[in-house]
PDB file of N, CA and C in Angstrom:
ATOM      1  N   UNK A   1       0.838  -1.334   0.151  1.00  0.00           N
ATOM      2  CA  UNK A   1       0.059   0.040  -0.016  1.00  0.00           C
ATOM      3  C   UNK A   1       1.131   1.235   0.021  1.00  0.00           C
ATOM      4  N   UNK A   2       0.323   2.040  -0.611  1.00  0.00           N
ATOM      5  CA  UNK A   2       1.079   3.429  -0.608  1.00  0.00           C
ATOM      6  C   UNK A   2       2.024   3.754  -1.936  1.00  0.00           C
ATOM      7  N   UNK A   3       2.478   2.300  -2.502  1.00  0.00           N
ATOM      8  CA  UNK A   3       3.399   2.477  -3.701  1.00  0.00           C
ATOM      9  C   UNK A   3       2.935   3.564  -4.911  1.00  0.00           C
ATOM     10  N   UNK A   4       1.918   3.663  -5.065  1.00  0.00           N
ATOM     11  CA  UNK A   4       1.077   4.710  -6.151  1.00  0.00           C
ATOM     12  C   UNK A   4       1.637   6.051  -6.050  1.00  0.00           C
ATOM     13  N   UNK A   5       1.247   6.410  -4.613  1.00  0.00           N
ATOM     14  CA  UNK A   5       1.726   7.672  -4.176  1.00  0.00           C
ATOM     15  C   UNK A   5       3.085   7.670  -3.992  1.00  0.00           C
ATOM     16  N   UNK A   6       3.827   7.134  -3.780  1.00  0.00           N
ATOM     17  CA  UNK A   6       5.237   7.325  -3.796  1.00  0.00           C
ATOM     18  C   UNK A   6       5.941   7.168  -5.126  1.00  0.00           C
ATOM     19  N   UNK A   7       5.382   6.220  -5.976  1.00  0.00           N
ATOM     20  CA  UNK A   7       5.977   6.448  -7.283  1.00  0.00           C
ATOM     21  C   UNK A   7       5.437   7.804  -7.944  1.00  0.00           C
ATOM     22  N   UNK A   8       4.399   8.039  -7.827  1.00  0.00           N
ATOM     23  CA  UNK A   8       3.803   9.814  -8.169  1.00  0.00           C
ATOM     24  C   UNK A   8       4.855  10.729  -7.680  1.00  0.00           C
ATOM     25  N   UNK A   9       5.231  10.918  -6.037  1.00  0.00           N
ATOM     26  CA  UNK A   9       5.769  11.839  -5.833  1.00  0.00           C
ATOM     27  C   UNK A   9       7.459  11.749  -6.066  1.00  0.00           C
ATOM     28  N   UNK A  10       8.039  10.843  -6.358  1.00  0.00           N
ATOM     29  CA  UNK A  10       9.100  10.715  -6.758  1.00  0.00           C
ATOM     30  C   UNK A  10       9.663  10.962  -8.192  1.00  0.00           C
ATOM     31  N   UNK A  11       8.542  10.450  -9.012  1.00  0.00           N
ATOM     32  CA  UNK A  11       8.937  10.335 -10.473  1.00  0.00           C
ATOM     33  C   UNK A  11       7.972  11.930 -11.212  1.00  0.00           C
ATOM     34  N   UNK A  12       6.944  12.148 -10.283  1.00  0.00           N
ATOM     35  CA  UNK A  12       6.036  13.231 -11.096  1.00  0.00           C
ATOM     36  C   UNK A  12       5.191  12.725 -12.510  1.00  0.00           C
ATOM     37  N   UNK A  13       5.215  11.155 -12.244  1.00  0.00           N
ATOM     38  CA  UNK A  13       4.274  10.531 -13.425  1.00  0.00           C
ATOM     39  C   UNK A  13       3.065  10.226 -12.551  1.00  0.00           C
ATOM     40  N   UNK A  14       1.859  10.423 -13.309  1.00  0.00           N
ATOM     41  CA  UNK A  14       0.556  10.083 -12.696  1.00  0.00           C
ATOM     42  C   UNK A  14       0.483   8.594 -12.943  1.00  0.00           C
ATOM     43  N   UNK A  15      -0.175   8.002 -11.680  1.00  0.00           N
ATOM     44  CA  UNK A  15      -0.069   6.686 -11.579  1.00  0.00           C
ATOM     45  C   UNK A  15      -1.672   6.122 -11.070  1.00  0.00           C
ATOM     46  N   UNK A  16      -2.063   5.201 -11.549  1.00  0.00           N
ATOM     47  CA  UNK A  16      -3.226   4.597 -10.917  1.00  0.00           C
ATOM     48  C   UNK A  16      -2.868   2.938 -10.985  1.00  0.00           C
ATOM     49  N   UNK A  17      -3.751   2.349  -9.838  1.00  0.00           N
ATOM     50  CA  UNK A  17      -3.840   1.032  -9.450  1.00  0.00           C
ATOM     51  C   UNK A  17      -4.930   0.483 -10.240  1.00  0.00           C
ATOM     52  N   UNK A  18      -4.467  -0.859 -11.148  1.00  0.00           N
ATOM     53  CA  UNK A  18      -5.317  -1.541 -12.208  1.00  0.00           C
ATOM     54  C   UNK A  18      -6.259  -2.323 -11.405  1.00  0.00           C
ATOM     55  N   UNK A  19      -7.680  -2.253 -11.642  1.00  0.00           N
ATOM     56  CA  UNK A  19      -8.460  -3.415 -11.023  1.00  0.00           C
ATOM     57  C   UNK A  19      -8.171  -4.900 -11.311  1.00  0.00           C
ATOM     58  N   UNK A  20      -7.543  -5.086 -12.798  1.00  0.00           N
ATOM     59  CA  UNK A  20      -7.113  -6.345 -13.191  1.00  0.00           C
ATOM     60  C   UNK A  20      -5.958  -6.266 -13.659  1.00  0.00           C
ATOM     61  N   UNK A  21      -4.660  -6.493 -12.950  1.00  0.00           N
ATOM     62  CA  UNK A  21      -3.641  -6.168 -13.447  1.00  0.00           C
ATOM     63  C   UNK A  21      -3.149  -7.011 -14.628  1.00  0.00           C
ATOM     64  N   UNK A  22      -3.572  -8.423 -14.460  1.00  0.00           N
ATOM     65  CA  UNK A  22      -3.332  -9.337 -15.497  1.00  0.00           C
ATOM     66  C   UNK A  22      -3.797  -9.034 -16.651  1.00  0.00           C
ATOM     67  N   UNK A  23      -4.805  -8.450 -16.680  1.00  0.00           N
ATOM     68  CA  UNK A  23      -5.678  -8.086 -17.877  1.00  0.00           C
ATOM     69  C   UNK A  23      -4.625  -6.834 -18.577  1.00  0.00           C
ATOM     70  N   UNK A  24      -4.458  -6.104 -17.707  1.00  0.00           N
ATOM     71  CA  UNK A  24      -3.431  -4.735 -18.335  1.00  0.00           C
ATOM     72  C   UNK A  24      -2.335  -5.561 -18.932  1.00  0.00           C
ATOM     73  N   UNK A  25      -1.785  -6.470 -18.364  1.00  0.00           N
ATOM     74  CA  UNK A  25      -0.518  -6.970 -18.970  1.00  0.00           C
ATOM     75  C   UNK A  25      -0.538  -7.659 -20.145  1.00  0.00           C
ATOM     76  N   UNK A  26      -1.721  -8.241 -20.122  1.00  0.00           N
ATOM     77  CA  UNK A  26      -2.127  -9.130 -21.529  1.00  0.00           C
ATOM     78  C   UNK A  26      -2.318  -8.019 -22.570  1.00  0.00           C
ATOM     79  N   UNK A  27      -3.137  -6.869 -22.183  1.00  0.00           N
ATOM     80  CA  UNK A  27      -3.663  -6.106 -23.298  1.00  0.00           C
ATOM     81  C   UNK A  27      -2.253  -5.272 -23.645  1.00  0.00           C
ATOM     82  N   UNK A  28      -1.433  -4.976 -22.821  1.00  0.00           N
ATOM     83  CA  UNK A  28      -0.183  -4.362 -22.991  1.00  0.00           C
ATOM     84  C   UNK A  28       0.586  -5.026 -24.024  1.00  0.00           C
ATOM     85  N   UNK A  29       0.846  -6.269 -23.567  1.00  0.00           N
ATOM     86  CA  UNK A  29       1.765  -7.152 -24.355  1.00  0.00           C
ATOM     87  C   UNK A  29       1.373  -7.556 -25.641  1.00  0.00           C
ATOM     88  N   UNK A  30      -0.132  -7.377 -26.169  1.00  0.00           N
ATOM     89  CA  UNK A  30      -0.671  -7.672 -27.198  1.00  0.00           C
ATOM     90  C   UNK A  30      -0.618  -6.347 -28.236  1.00  0.00           C
ATOM     91  N   UNK A  31      -0.387  -5.189 -27.446  1.00  0.00           N
ATOM     92  CA  UNK A  31      -0.339  -3.909 -28.125  1.00  0.00           C
ATOM     93  C   UNK A  31       1.203  -3.866 -28.540  1.00  0.00           C
ATOM     94  N   UNK A  32       2.068  -4.430 -27.842  1.00  0.00           N
ATOM     95  CA  UNK A  32       3.694  -4.375 -28.196  1.00  0.00           C
ATOM     96  C   UNK A  32       3.534  -5.244 -29.107  1.00  0.00           C
ATOM     97  N   UNK A  33       3.352  -6.374 -29.415  1.00  0.00           N
ATOM     98  CA  UNK A  33       3.388  -7.398 -30.401  1.00  0.00           C
ATOM     99  C   UNK A  33       2.833  -6.602 -31.704  1.00  0.00           C
ATOM    100  N   UNK A  34       1.678  -6.145 -31.664  1.00  0.00           N
ATOM    101  CA  UNK A  34       1.265  -5.371 -32.980  1.00  0.00           C
ATOM    102  C   UNK A  34       2.323  -4.367 -33.266  1.00  0.00           C
ATOM    103  N   UNK A  35       2.735  -3.728 -32.380  1.00  0.00           N
ATOM    104  CA  UNK A  35       3.552  -2.184 -32.816  1.00  0.00           C
ATOM    105  C   UNK A  35       4.919  -3.089 -33.380  1.00  0.00           C
ATOM    106  N   UNK A  36       5.326  -3.933 -33.019  1.00  0.00           N
ATOM    107  CA  UNK A  36       6.433  -4.851 -33.748  1.00  0.00           C
ATOM    108  C   UNK A  36       6.216  -5.269 -34.946  1.00  0.00           C
ATOM    109  N   UNK A  37       5.199  -5.653 -35.298  1.00  0.00           N
ATOM    110  CA  UNK A  37       4.721  -6.216 -36.600  1.00  0.00           C
ATOM    111  C   UNK A  37       4.177  -5.248 -37.522  1.00  0.00           C
ATOM    112  N   UNK A  38       4.097  -3.844 -36.799  1.00  0.00           N
ATOM    113  CA  UNK A  38       3.564  -2.542 -37.488  1.00  0.00           C
ATOM    114  C   UNK A  38       2.219  -2.742 -37.942  1.00  0.00           C
ATOM    115  N   UNK A  39       1.312  -3.099 -37.068  1.00  0.00           N
ATOM    116  CA  UNK A  39      -0.186  -3.395 -37.302  1.00  0.00           C
ATOM    117  C   UNK A  39      -0.801  -2.836 -36.209  1.00  0.00           C
ATOM    118  N   UNK A  40      -0.146  -1.828 -35.142  1.00  0.00           N
ATOM    119  CA  UNK A  40      -0.478  -1.042 -34.037  1.00  0.00           C
ATOM    120  C   UNK A  40      -1.535   0.053 -34.508  1.00  0.00           C
ATOM    121  N   UNK A  41      -2.712   0.002 -33.934  1.00  0.00           N
ATOM    122  CA  UNK A  41      -3.878   1.170 -33.711  1.00  0.00           C
ATOM    123  C   UNK A  41      -4.200   1.193 -32.590  1.00  0.00           C
ATOM    124  N   UNK A  42      -4.097   2.662 -31.892  1.00  0.00           N
ATOM    125  CA  UNK A  42      -4.630   2.729 -30.562  1.00  0.00           C
ATOM    126  C   UNK A  42      -5.930   2.993 -30.650  1.00  0.00           C
ATOM    127  N   UNK A  43      -6.574   2.022 -30.661  1.00  0.00           N
ATOM    128  CA  UNK A  43      -8.368   2.196 -30.395  1.00  0.00           C
ATOM    129  C   UNK A  43      -8.987   2.298 -29.197  1.00  0.00           C
ATOM    130  N   UNK A  44      -7.949   1.935 -28.022  1.00  0.00           N
ATOM    131  CA  UNK A  44      -8.544   2.217 -26.714  1.00  0.00           C
ATOM    132  C   UNK A  44      -7.930   3.667 -26.019  1.00  0.00           C
ATOM    133  N   UNK A  45      -8.583   4.673 -26.151  1.00  0.00           N
ATOM    134  CA  UNK A  45      -7.986   5.881 -25.637  1.00  0.00           C
ATOM    135  C   UNK A  45      -7.947   5.956 -24.025  1.00  0.00           C
ATOM    136  N   UNK A  46      -8.754   5.117 -23.354  1.00  0.00           N
ATOM    137  CA  UNK A  46      -8.798   5.798 -22.079  1.00  0.00           C
ATOM    138  C   UNK A  46      -8.494   4.392 -21.116  1.00  0.00           C
ATOM    139  N   UNK A  47      -7.998   3.422 -21.879  1.00  0.00           N
ATOM    140  CA  UNK A  47      -8.055   2.037 -20.865  1.00  0.00           C
ATOM    141  C   UNK A  47      -7.405   2.388 -19.672  1.00  0.00           C
TER     142      UNK A  47
END
């Protein structure tokens, strides 16, 4: 607990805790693979 606030205060980067971290990793990995293959389109503006 408190990691989100610590990271924000030390880096100045906005952070948030994901409700479903595994889903975020899966979606992010999929987007990265699409970027590598040249087929990436950011259709999810507010994930």
